[in-house]
Amino acid sequence: MARTTSLIPEQRRQRILRALRAEQVLSYRQIAEMLDVSPMTARRDVAALAEQGRLTATQGGASALTRMISEPRRSEKAAANIAEKSAIARAAAARVSDSMTVYLDAGTTVQAMRPHLEEVEGLTIVSNDLGTIRSFLDHPSADLICLGGRLDRDNESMIGRLAALTLAELSLDIAFLSSSSWDVRHGATTPVEAKVDPKRAAHASATATVLLAGSDKFGTYAKYRVLALDEFDAIITDDGLADADASAIEVAALERVAATPRRADAPGA
């Protein structure tokens, strides 16, 4: 059988993750047939995803990861789901208007909002994310507030009580929060305790709170709960979320946006 080379490794791996959300367990043979690749390539893709903590490698294939023990490094996140992140970021940025005070949580999906906010005037951008703050240095009019706190080196962001204390002194129009794991029962969760307080403080200080989370993260949960899904005013995800899962999310403002190949929309995402 002729092998297809049309998918890059990350695209193949996203297909594996989507299939696992539906099937829970896949054999190497099923993965190889689904992707039209060799069994060796299927094993390499599963091994890479397991190393990133995105699935569990089994003796004969892979199983879906339910509990997230740790988060991938920022460099790994930056290479994943670029088109989906751009679509989510574009929809999120459409909610921002002139003169708003906006909190941008740490994460590559939230940072992907930057190019869509170029023409918005009089913004005050508050963020705990070093990459996000850096990306706004050339914005023509934005006022920048960078939160202090303990540095999370792997994700290049500020976490902990000091970051939360600063947020408690601010009045935000809208807070865009990220999450490494989310599901109906547990809500938005994180494996890092020190991330909880800043996220909750942003929610408490904001008139509206919006969750930006890819469908590939849905169905997983971590040790520490941030917010229940119905505590968000809106959730924006990509169109990979199944209809049944969307129906189970009791949030009126759930928005599923179609990913496009316009990868240039999300530099550094």
C-alpha atoms as a PDB file:
ATOM      1  CA  MET A   1       0.000   0.000   0.000  1.00  0.00           C
ATOM      2  CA  ALA A   2       1.304   3.421  -0.893  1.00  0.00           C
ATOM      3  CA  ARG A   3       1.960   5.594   2.117  1.00  0.00           C
ATOM      4  CA  THR A   4       0.705   9.142   2.311  1.00  0.00           C
ATOM      5  CA  THR A   5       3.137  11.872   3.259  1.00  0.00           C
ATOM      6  CA  SER A   6       0.589  14.699   3.284  1.00  0.00           C
ATOM      7  CA  LEU A   7       0.425  14.996   7.081  1.00  0.00           C
ATOM      8  CA  ILE A   8       3.244  16.366   9.162  1.00  0.00           C
ATOM      9  CA  PRO A   9       3.941  14.588  12.486  1.00  0.00           C
ATOM     10  CA  GLU A  10       1.930  17.035  14.606  1.00  0.00           C
ATOM     11  CA  GLN A  11      -1.093  16.673  12.300  1.00  0.00           C
ATOM     12  CA  ARG A  12      -0.893  12.879  12.567  1.00  0.00           C
ATOM     13  CA  ARG A  13      -0.661  13.115  16.331  1.00  0.00           C
ATOM     14  CA  GLN A  14      -3.682  15.390  16.583  1.00  0.00           C
ATOM     15  CA  ARG A  15      -5.666  12.819  14.592  1.00  0.00           C
ATOM     16  CA  ILE A  16      -4.574  10.140  17.051  1.00  0.00           C
ATOM     17  CA  LEU A  17      -5.732  12.263  19.994  1.00  0.00           C
ATOM     18  CA  ARG A  18      -9.087  12.998  18.352  1.00  0.00           C
ATOM     19  CA  ALA A  19      -9.626   9.310  17.630  1.00  0.00           C
ATOM     20  CA  LEU A  20      -8.730   8.404  21.210  1.00  0.00           C
ATOM     21  CA  ARG A  21     -11.348  10.809  22.555  1.00  0.00           C
ATOM     22  CA  ALA A  22     -13.955   8.786  20.684  1.00  0.00           C
ATOM     23  CA  GLU A  23     -12.518   5.262  21.075  1.00  0.00           C
ATOM     24  CA  GLN A  24     -10.501   5.547  24.328  1.00  0.00           C
ATOM     25  CA  VAL A  25      -8.129   2.768  23.181  1.00  0.00           C
ATOM     26  CA  LEU A  26      -6.426   2.217  19.819  1.00  0.00           C
ATOM     27  CA  SER A  27      -4.029  -0.487  18.666  1.00  0.00           C
ATOM     28  CA  TYR A  28      -0.916   0.314  16.668  1.00  0.00           C
ATOM     29  CA  ARG A  29      -2.538  -1.466  13.732  1.00  0.00           C
ATOM     30  CA  GLN A  30      -5.627   0.762  13.941  1.00  0.00           C
ATOM     31  CA  ILE A  31      -3.476   3.881  14.136  1.00  0.00           C
ATOM     32  CA  ALA A  32      -1.337   2.820  11.184  1.00  0.00           C
ATOM     33  CA  GLU A  33      -4.428   2.080   9.058  1.00  0.00           C
ATOM     34  CA  MET A  34      -6.172   5.295  10.072  1.00  0.00           C
ATOM     35  CA  LEU A  35      -3.161   7.420   9.112  1.00  0.00           C
ATOM     36  CA  ASP A  36      -2.012   5.207   6.235  1.00  0.00           C
ATOM     37  CA  VAL A  37       1.476   4.994   7.697  1.00  0.00           C
ATOM     38  CA  SER A  38       3.794   2.190   8.706  1.00  0.00           C
ATOM     39  CA  PRO A  39       3.437   0.532  12.134  1.00  0.00           C
ATOM     40  CA  MET A  40       6.866   1.946  13.032  1.00  0.00           C
ATOM     41  CA  THR A  41       5.650   5.492  12.336  1.00  0.00           C
ATOM     42  CA  ALA A  42       2.544   4.824  14.432  1.00  0.00           C
ATOM     43  CA  ARG A  43       4.736   3.667  17.320  1.00  0.00           C
ATOM     44  CA  ARG A  44       6.962   6.740  17.050  1.00  0.00           C
ATOM     45  CA  ASP A  45       3.935   9.056  17.105  1.00  0.00           C
ATOM     46  CA  VAL A  46       2.480   7.311  20.149  1.00  0.00           C
ATOM     47  CA  ALA A  47       5.845   7.428  21.923  1.00  0.00           C
ATOM     48  CA  ALA A  48       6.159  11.178  21.240  1.00  0.00           C
ATOM     49  CA  LEU A  49       2.655  11.859  22.551  1.00  0.00           C
ATOM     50  CA  ALA A  50       3.258   9.730  25.628  1.00  0.00           C
ATOM     51  CA  GLU A  51       6.490  11.617  26.374  1.00  0.00           C
ATOM     52  CA  GLN A  52       4.522  14.879  26.201  1.00  0.00           C
ATOM     53  CA  GLY A  53       1.932  13.492  28.623  1.00  0.00           C
ATOM     54  CA  ARG A  54      -0.894  13.586  26.071  1.00  0.00           C
ATOM     55  CA  LEU A  55      -1.783   9.861  26.075  1.00  0.00           C
ATOM     56  CA  THR A  56      -0.741   6.605  27.711  1.00  0.00           C
ATOM     57  CA  ALA A  57       1.316   4.142  25.658  1.00  0.00           C
ATOM     58  CA  THR A  58       0.206   0.544  26.172  1.00  0.00           C
ATOM     59  CA  GLN A  59       1.771  -2.753  25.147  1.00  0.00           C
ATOM     60  CA  GLY A  60      -0.309  -2.903  21.975  1.00  0.00           C
ATOM     61  CA  GLY A  61      -1.094   0.721  21.252  1.00  0.00           C
ATOM     62  CA  ALA A  62      -2.400   3.759  23.129  1.00  0.00           C
ATOM     63  CA  SER A  63      -5.135   4.736  25.557  1.00  0.00           C
ATOM     64  CA  ALA A  64      -6.687   8.109  26.229  1.00  0.00           C
ATOM     65  CA  LEU A  65      -5.216  10.106  29.075  1.00  0.00           C
ATOM     66  CA  THR A  66      -7.861  11.125  31.574  1.00  0.00           C
ATOM     67  CA  ARG A  67      -5.836  12.601  34.430  1.00  0.00           C
ATOM     68  CA  MET A  68      -3.128  15.094  33.509  1.00  0.00           C
ATOM     69  CA  ILE A  69      -0.109  14.752  35.779  1.00  0.00           C
ATOM     70  CA  SER A  70       2.053  17.493  34.289  1.00  0.00           C
ATOM     71  CA  GLU A  71       1.888  20.068  31.503  1.00  0.00           C
ATOM     72  CA  PRO A  72       4.028  20.080  28.364  1.00  0.00           C
ATOM     73  CA  ARG A  73       6.717  22.747  28.141  1.00  0.00           C
ATOM     74  CA  ARG A  74       5.845  25.968  26.365  1.00  0.00           C
ATOM     75  CA  SER A  75       8.110  25.040  23.444  1.00  0.00           C
ATOM     76  CA  GLU A  76       6.057  21.877  22.898  1.00  0.00           C
ATOM     77  CA  LYS A  77       2.753  23.742  23.144  1.00  0.00           C
ATOM     78  CA  ALA A  78       3.921  26.345  20.653  1.00  0.00           C
ATOM     79  CA  ALA A  79       4.308  23.742  17.905  1.00  0.00           C
ATOM     80  CA  ALA A  80       0.869  22.162  18.387  1.00  0.00           C
ATOM     81  CA  ASN A  81      -2.515  23.013  16.828  1.00  0.00           C
ATOM     82  CA  ILE A  82      -1.443  26.314  15.316  1.00  0.00           C
ATOM     83  CA  ALA A  83      -4.491  26.693  13.050  1.00  0.00           C
ATOM     84  CA  GLU A  84      -6.898  25.827  15.873  1.00  0.00           C
ATOM     85  CA  LYS A  85      -5.247  28.296  18.228  1.00  0.00           C
ATOM     86  CA  SER A  86      -5.452  31.018  15.603  1.00  0.00           C
ATOM     87  CA  ALA A  87      -9.174  30.412  15.105  1.00  0.00           C
ATOM     88  CA  ILE A  88      -9.843  30.522  18.844  1.00  0.00           C
ATOM     89  CA  ALA A  89      -7.704  33.643  19.261  1.00  0.00           C
ATOM     90  CA  ARG A  90      -9.448  35.444  16.402  1.00  0.00           C
ATOM     91  CA  ALA A  91     -12.872  34.777  17.931  1.00  0.00           C
ATOM     92  CA  ALA A  92     -11.656  35.884  21.357  1.00  0.00           C
ATOM     93  CA  ALA A  93     -10.150  39.119  20.063  1.00  0.00           C
ATOM     94  CA  ALA A  94     -13.506  40.025  18.484  1.00  0.00           C
ATOM     95  CA  ARG A  95     -14.835  40.491  22.038  1.00  0.00           C
ATOM     96  CA  VAL A  96     -12.290  43.238  22.789  1.00  0.00           C
ATOM     97  CA  SER A  97     -13.050  46.882  22.064  1.00  0.00           C
ATOM     98  CA  ASP A  98     -11.299  50.227  22.543  1.00  0.00           C
ATOM     99  CA  SER A  99     -10.252  51.335  26.025  1.00  0.00           C
ATOM    100  CA  MET A 100     -10.838  47.965  27.698  1.00  0.00           C
ATOM    101  CA  THR A 101      -8.699  46.575  30.500  1.00  0.00           C
ATOM    102  CA  VAL A 102      -8.049  42.975  29.487  1.00  0.00           C
ATOM    103  CA  TYR A 103      -6.361  40.096  31.285  1.00  0.00           C
ATOM    104  CA  LEU A 104      -4.480  37.668  29.044  1.00  0.00           C
ATOM    105  CA  ASP A 105      -3.650  34.480  30.892  1.00  0.00           C
ATOM    106  CA  ALA A 106      -0.470  32.519  30.283  1.00  0.00           C
ATOM    107  CA  GLY A 107      -0.457  30.282  27.238  1.00  0.00           C
ATOM    108  CA  THR A 108       0.181  30.118  23.534  1.00  0.00           C
ATOM    109  CA  THR A 109      -3.509  30.181  22.574  1.00  0.00           C
ATOM    110  CA  VAL A 110      -4.086  33.427  24.465  1.00  0.00           C
ATOM    111  CA  GLN A 111      -0.890  34.952  23.079  1.00  0.00           C
ATOM    112  CA  ALA A 112      -2.196  34.229  19.571  1.00  0.00           C
ATOM    113  CA  MET A 113      -4.729  37.047  20.121  1.00  0.00           C
ATOM    114  CA  ARG A 114      -1.965  39.644  19.727  1.00  0.00           C
ATOM    115  CA  PRO A 115      -2.118  40.220  15.921  1.00  0.00           C
ATOM    116  CA  HIS A 116      -5.897  40.605  16.089  1.00  0.00           C
ATOM    117  CA  LEU A 117      -5.645  43.459  18.602  1.00  0.00           C
ATOM    118  CA  GLU A 118      -3.309  45.680  16.558  1.00  0.00           C
ATOM    119  CA  GLU A 119      -6.026  48.187  15.646  1.00  0.00           C
ATOM    120  CA  VAL A 120      -7.734  48.293  19.058  1.00  0.00           C
ATOM    121  CA  GLU A 121      -6.938  51.598  20.751  1.00  0.00           C
ATOM    122  CA  GLY A 122      -6.451  52.546  24.386  1.00  0.00           C
ATOM    123  CA  LEU A 123      -6.086  48.993  25.659  1.00  0.00           C
ATOM    124  CA  THR A 124      -4.665  48.132  29.034  1.00  0.00           C
ATOM    125  CA  ILE A 125      -3.172  44.654  28.759  1.00  0.00           C
ATOM    126  CA  VAL A 126      -2.594  42.768  31.998  1.00  0.00           C
ATOM    127  CA  SER A 127      -0.721  39.472  31.789  1.00  0.00           C
ATOM    128  CA  ASN A 128       1.375  37.033  33.758  1.00  0.00           C
ATOM    129  CA  ASP A 129       2.865  35.658  30.524  1.00  0.00           C
ATOM    130  CA  LEU A 130       6.309  36.914  29.562  1.00  0.00           C
ATOM    131  CA  GLY A 131       5.874  36.051  25.890  1.00  0.00           C
ATOM    132  CA  THR A 132       2.543  37.837  25.705  1.00  0.00           C
ATOM    133  CA  ILE A 133       3.885  40.990  27.337  1.00  0.00           C
ATOM    134  CA  ARG A 134       6.883  40.915  25.014  1.00  0.00           C
ATOM    135  CA  SER A 135       4.621  40.589  21.974  1.00  0.00           C
ATOM    136  CA  PHE A 136       2.775  43.795  22.936  1.00  0.00           C
ATOM    137  CA  LEU A 137       5.887  45.944  23.272  1.00  0.00           C
ATOM    138  CA  ASP A 138       5.384  47.235  19.724  1.00  0.00           C
ATOM    139  CA  HIS A 139       1.629  47.780  20.057  1.00  0.00           C
ATOM    140  CA  PRO A 140       0.945  51.394  19.061  1.00  0.00           C
ATOM    141  CA  SER A 141      -1.116  52.362  22.119  1.00  0.00           C
ATOM    142  CA  ALA A 142      -1.487  49.571  24.692  1.00  0.00           C
ATOM    143  CA  ASP A 143      -0.615  50.197  28.325  1.00  0.00           C
ATOM    144  CA  LEU A 144       1.055  47.082  29.758  1.00  0.00           C
ATOM    145  CA  ILE A 145       0.852  45.664  33.282  1.00  0.00           C
ATOM    146  CA  CYS A 146       3.110  42.654  33.828  1.00  0.00           C
ATOM    147  CA  LEU A 147       2.302  40.663  36.958  1.00  0.00           C
ATOM    148  CA  GLY A 148       5.044  39.807  39.389  1.00  0.00           C
ATOM    149  CA  GLY A 149       5.366  36.533  41.239  1.00  0.00           C
ATOM    150  CA  ARG A 150       7.248  33.274  41.059  1.00  0.00           C
ATOM    151  CA  LEU A 151       8.542  32.347  37.620  1.00  0.00           C
ATOM    152  CA  ASP A 152       7.341  29.117  36.052  1.00  0.00           C
ATOM    153  CA  ARG A 153      10.360  28.480  33.835  1.00  0.00           C
ATOM    154  CA  ASP A 154       8.771  25.746  31.732  1.00  0.00           C
ATOM    155  CA  ASN A 155       5.858  27.961  30.732  1.00  0.00           C
ATOM    156  CA  GLU A 156       7.580  31.354  31.013  1.00  0.00           C
ATOM    157  CA  SER A 157       4.893  32.858  33.217  1.00  0.00           C
ATOM    158  CA  MET A 158       4.429  34.300  36.690  1.00  0.00           C
ATOM    159  CA  ILE A 159       2.441  32.235  39.181  1.00  0.00           C
ATOM    160  CA  GLY A 160       1.566  32.137  42.853  1.00  0.00           C
ATOM    161  CA  ARG A 161       0.191  34.449  45.513  1.00  0.00           C
ATOM    162  CA  LEU A 162       2.080  37.591  44.475  1.00  0.00           C
ATOM    163  CA  ALA A 163       0.552  37.496  41.000  1.00  0.00           C
ATOM    164  CA  ALA A 164      -2.896  36.982  42.517  1.00  0.00           C
ATOM    165  CA  LEU A 165      -2.446  39.946  44.885  1.00  0.00           C
ATOM    166  CA  THR A 166      -1.783  42.287  41.963  1.00  0.00           C
ATOM    167  CA  LEU A 167      -4.886  41.078  40.138  1.00  0.00           C
ATOM    168  CA  ALA A 168      -6.985  41.711  43.257  1.00  0.00           C
ATOM    169  CA  GLU A 169      -6.085  45.417  42.990  1.00  0.00           C
ATOM    170  CA  LEU A 170      -7.324  45.716  39.385  1.00  0.00           C
ATOM    171  CA  SER A 171     -10.714  46.104  37.753  1.00  0.00           C
ATOM    172  CA  LEU A 172     -10.813  44.095  34.519  1.00  0.00           C
ATOM    173  CA  ASP A 173     -13.383  44.347  31.756  1.00  0.00           C
ATOM    174  CA  ILE A 174     -12.675  40.834  30.530  1.00  0.00           C
ATOM    175  CA  ALA A 175     -10.342  38.014  31.519  1.00  0.00           C
ATOM    176  CA  PHE A 176      -9.275  35.411  28.971  1.00  0.00           C
ATOM    177  CA  LEU A 177      -8.181  32.280  30.831  1.00  0.00           C
ATOM    178  CA  SER A 178      -6.348  29.270  29.447  1.00  0.00           C
ATOM    179  CA  SER A 179      -6.505  25.691  30.689  1.00  0.00           C
ATOM    180  CA  SER A 180      -4.362  22.625  30.116  1.00  0.00           C
ATOM    181  CA  SER A 181      -7.292  20.349  30.942  1.00  0.00           C
ATOM    182  CA  TRP A 182     -11.077  20.708  31.047  1.00  0.00           C
ATOM    183  CA  ASP A 183     -14.144  18.536  31.211  1.00  0.00           C
ATOM    184  CA  VAL A 184     -17.778  18.688  32.276  1.00  0.00           C
ATOM    185  CA  ARG A 185     -17.388  17.143  35.715  1.00  0.00           C
ATOM    186  CA  HIS A 186     -14.181  18.819  36.922  1.00  0.00           C
ATOM    187  CA  GLY A 187     -14.322  22.109  35.009  1.00  0.00           C
ATOM    188  CA  ALA A 188     -11.055  23.861  34.165  1.00  0.00           C
ATOM    189  CA  THR A 189      -8.174  22.301  36.073  1.00  0.00           C
ATOM    190  CA  THR A 190      -4.394  22.450  36.355  1.00  0.00           C
ATOM    191  CA  PRO A 191      -1.681  20.128  37.702  1.00  0.00           C
ATOM    192  CA  VAL A 192       0.173  23.152  39.141  1.00  0.00           C
ATOM    193  CA  GLU A 193      -1.241  24.450  42.432  1.00  0.00           C
ATOM    194  CA  ALA A 194       0.461  27.850  42.125  1.00  0.00           C
ATOM    195  CA  LYS A 195      -1.524  28.605  38.954  1.00  0.00           C
ATOM    196  CA  VAL A 196      -4.898  28.414  40.690  1.00  0.00           C
ATOM    197  CA  ASP A 197      -4.829  31.651  42.705  1.00  0.00           C
ATOM    198  CA  PRO A 198      -3.941  33.984  39.789  1.00  0.00           C
ATOM    199  CA  LYS A 199      -6.629  32.443  37.570  1.00  0.00           C
ATOM    200  CA  ARG A 200      -9.278  32.751  40.278  1.00  0.00           C
ATOM    201  CA  ALA A 201      -8.159  36.285  41.100  1.00  0.00           C
ATOM    202  CA  ALA A 202      -8.512  37.302  37.446  1.00  0.00           C
ATOM    203  CA  HIS A 203     -12.015  35.822  37.391  1.00  0.00           C
ATOM    204  CA  ALA A 204     -12.963  37.673  40.585  1.00  0.00           C
ATOM    205  CA  SER A 205     -11.662  40.997  39.226  1.00  0.00           C
ATOM    206  CA  ALA A 206     -13.303  40.741  35.804  1.00  0.00           C
ATOM    207  CA  THR A 207     -16.742  41.735  34.568  1.00  0.00           C
ATOM    208  CA  ALA A 208     -16.623  38.733  32.215  1.00  0.00           C
ATOM    209  CA  THR A 209     -14.419  35.644  32.091  1.00  0.00           C
ATOM    210  CA  VAL A 210     -13.842  33.638  28.906  1.00  0.00           C
ATOM    211  CA  LEU A 211     -12.150  30.250  28.689  1.00  0.00           C
ATOM    212  CA  LEU A 212      -9.950  29.634  25.648  1.00  0.00           C
ATOM    213  CA  ALA A 213      -9.238  25.913  25.366  1.00  0.00           C
ATOM    214  CA  GLY A 214      -8.590  23.556  22.488  1.00  0.00           C
ATOM    215  CA  SER A 215     -10.813  20.540  21.959  1.00  0.00           C
ATOM    216  CA  ASP A 216      -7.734  18.305  22.267  1.00  0.00           C
ATOM    217  CA  LYS A 217      -7.614  19.194  25.980  1.00  0.00           C
ATOM    218  CA  PHE A 218     -11.270  18.347  26.597  1.00  0.00           C
ATOM    219  CA  GLY A 219     -12.005  15.170  28.559  1.00  0.00           C
ATOM    220  CA  THR A 220      -8.931  15.454  30.764  1.00  0.00           C
ATOM    221  CA  TYR A 221      -8.579  16.764  34.292  1.00  0.00           C
ATOM    222  CA  ALA A 222      -5.803  17.577  36.728  1.00  0.00           C
ATOM    223  CA  LYS A 223      -5.419  17.720  40.485  1.00  0.00           C
ATOM    224  CA  TYR A 224      -6.366  21.352  41.136  1.00  0.00           C
ATOM    225  CA  ARG A 225      -9.703  22.849  40.157  1.00  0.00           C
ATOM    226  CA  VAL A 226      -9.769  26.412  38.879  1.00  0.00           C
ATOM    227  CA  LEU A 227     -13.411  27.047  37.948  1.00  0.00           C
ATOM    228  CA  ALA A 228     -16.471  25.019  37.051  1.00  0.00           C
ATOM    229  CA  LEU A 229     -17.439  25.414  33.405  1.00  0.00           C
ATOM    230  CA  ASP A 230     -20.675  27.221  34.288  1.00  0.00           C
ATOM    231  CA  GLU A 231     -18.651  29.902  36.097  1.00  0.00           C
ATOM    232  CA  PHE A 232     -17.316  31.110  32.753  1.00  0.00           C
ATOM    233  CA  ASP A 233     -19.340  33.659  30.824  1.00  0.00           C
ATOM    234  CA  ALA A 234     -18.189  32.059  27.568  1.00  0.00           C
ATOM    235  CA  ILE A 235     -16.043  29.188  26.313  1.00  0.00           C
ATOM    236  CA  ILE A 236     -14.283  29.352  22.955  1.00  0.00           C
ATOM    237  CA  THR A 237     -12.876  26.147  21.498  1.00  0.00           C
ATOM    238  CA  ASP A 238     -12.196  24.759  18.031  1.00  0.00           C
ATOM    239  CA  ASP A 239     -14.518  22.698  15.874  1.00  0.00           C
ATOM    240  CA  GLY A 240     -12.925  19.424  16.954  1.00  0.00           C
ATOM    241  CA  LEU A 241     -15.254  19.219  19.959  1.00  0.00           C
ATOM    242  CA  ALA A 242     -17.877  16.515  19.408  1.00  0.00           C
ATOM    243  CA  ASP A 243     -21.559  17.489  19.322  1.00  0.00           C
ATOM    244  CA  ALA A 244     -22.294  15.231  22.296  1.00  0.00           C
ATOM    245  CA  ASP A 245     -19.575  16.913  24.356  1.00  0.00           C
ATOM    246  CA  ALA A 246     -20.817  20.360  23.347  1.00  0.00           C
ATOM    247  CA  SER A 247     -24.333  19.411  24.441  1.00  0.00           C
ATOM    248  CA  ALA A 248     -23.019  18.277  27.822  1.00  0.00           C
ATOM    249  CA  ILE A 249     -21.433  21.674  28.522  1.00  0.00           C
ATOM    250  CA  GLU A 250     -24.067  23.770  30.242  1.00  0.00           C
ATOM    251  CA  VAL A 251     -22.719  27.132  29.158  1.00  0.00           C
ATOM    252  CA  ALA A 252     -24.954  29.237  26.921  1.00  0.00           C
ATOM    253  CA  ALA A 253     -22.056  31.045  25.271  1.00  0.00           C
ATOM    254  CA  LEU A 254     -20.144  28.007  24.030  1.00  0.00           C
ATOM    255  CA  GLU A 255     -18.514  28.912  20.729  1.00  0.00           C
ATOM    256  CA  ARG A 256     -16.867  26.378  18.415  1.00  0.00           C
ATOM    257  CA  VAL A 257     -14.748  27.980  15.720  1.00  0.00           C
ATOM    258  CA  ALA A 258     -13.431  26.361  12.557  1.00  0.00           C
ATOM    259  CA  ALA A 259      -9.685  26.042  12.232  1.00  0.00           C
ATOM    260  CA  THR A 260      -8.198  27.393   9.025  1.00  0.00           C
ATOM    261  CA  PRO A 261      -4.789  26.964   7.400  1.00  0.00           C
ATOM    262  CA  ARG A 262      -3.963  30.659   7.913  1.00  0.00           C
ATOM    263  CA  ARG A 263      -0.991  29.812  10.110  1.00  0.00           C
ATOM    264  CA  ALA A 264       0.536  33.263   9.696  1.00  0.00           C
ATOM    265  CA  ASP A 265      -2.249  34.623  11.936  1.00  0.00           C
ATOM    266  CA  ALA A 266      -0.561  33.273  15.013  1.00  0.00           C
ATOM    267  CA  PRO A 267       3.123  34.128  15.099  1.00  0.00           C
ATOM    268  CA  GLY A 268       4.770  32.594  18.094  1.00  0.00           C
ATOM    269  CA  ALA A 269       1.587  30.710  18.968  1.00  0.00           C
END
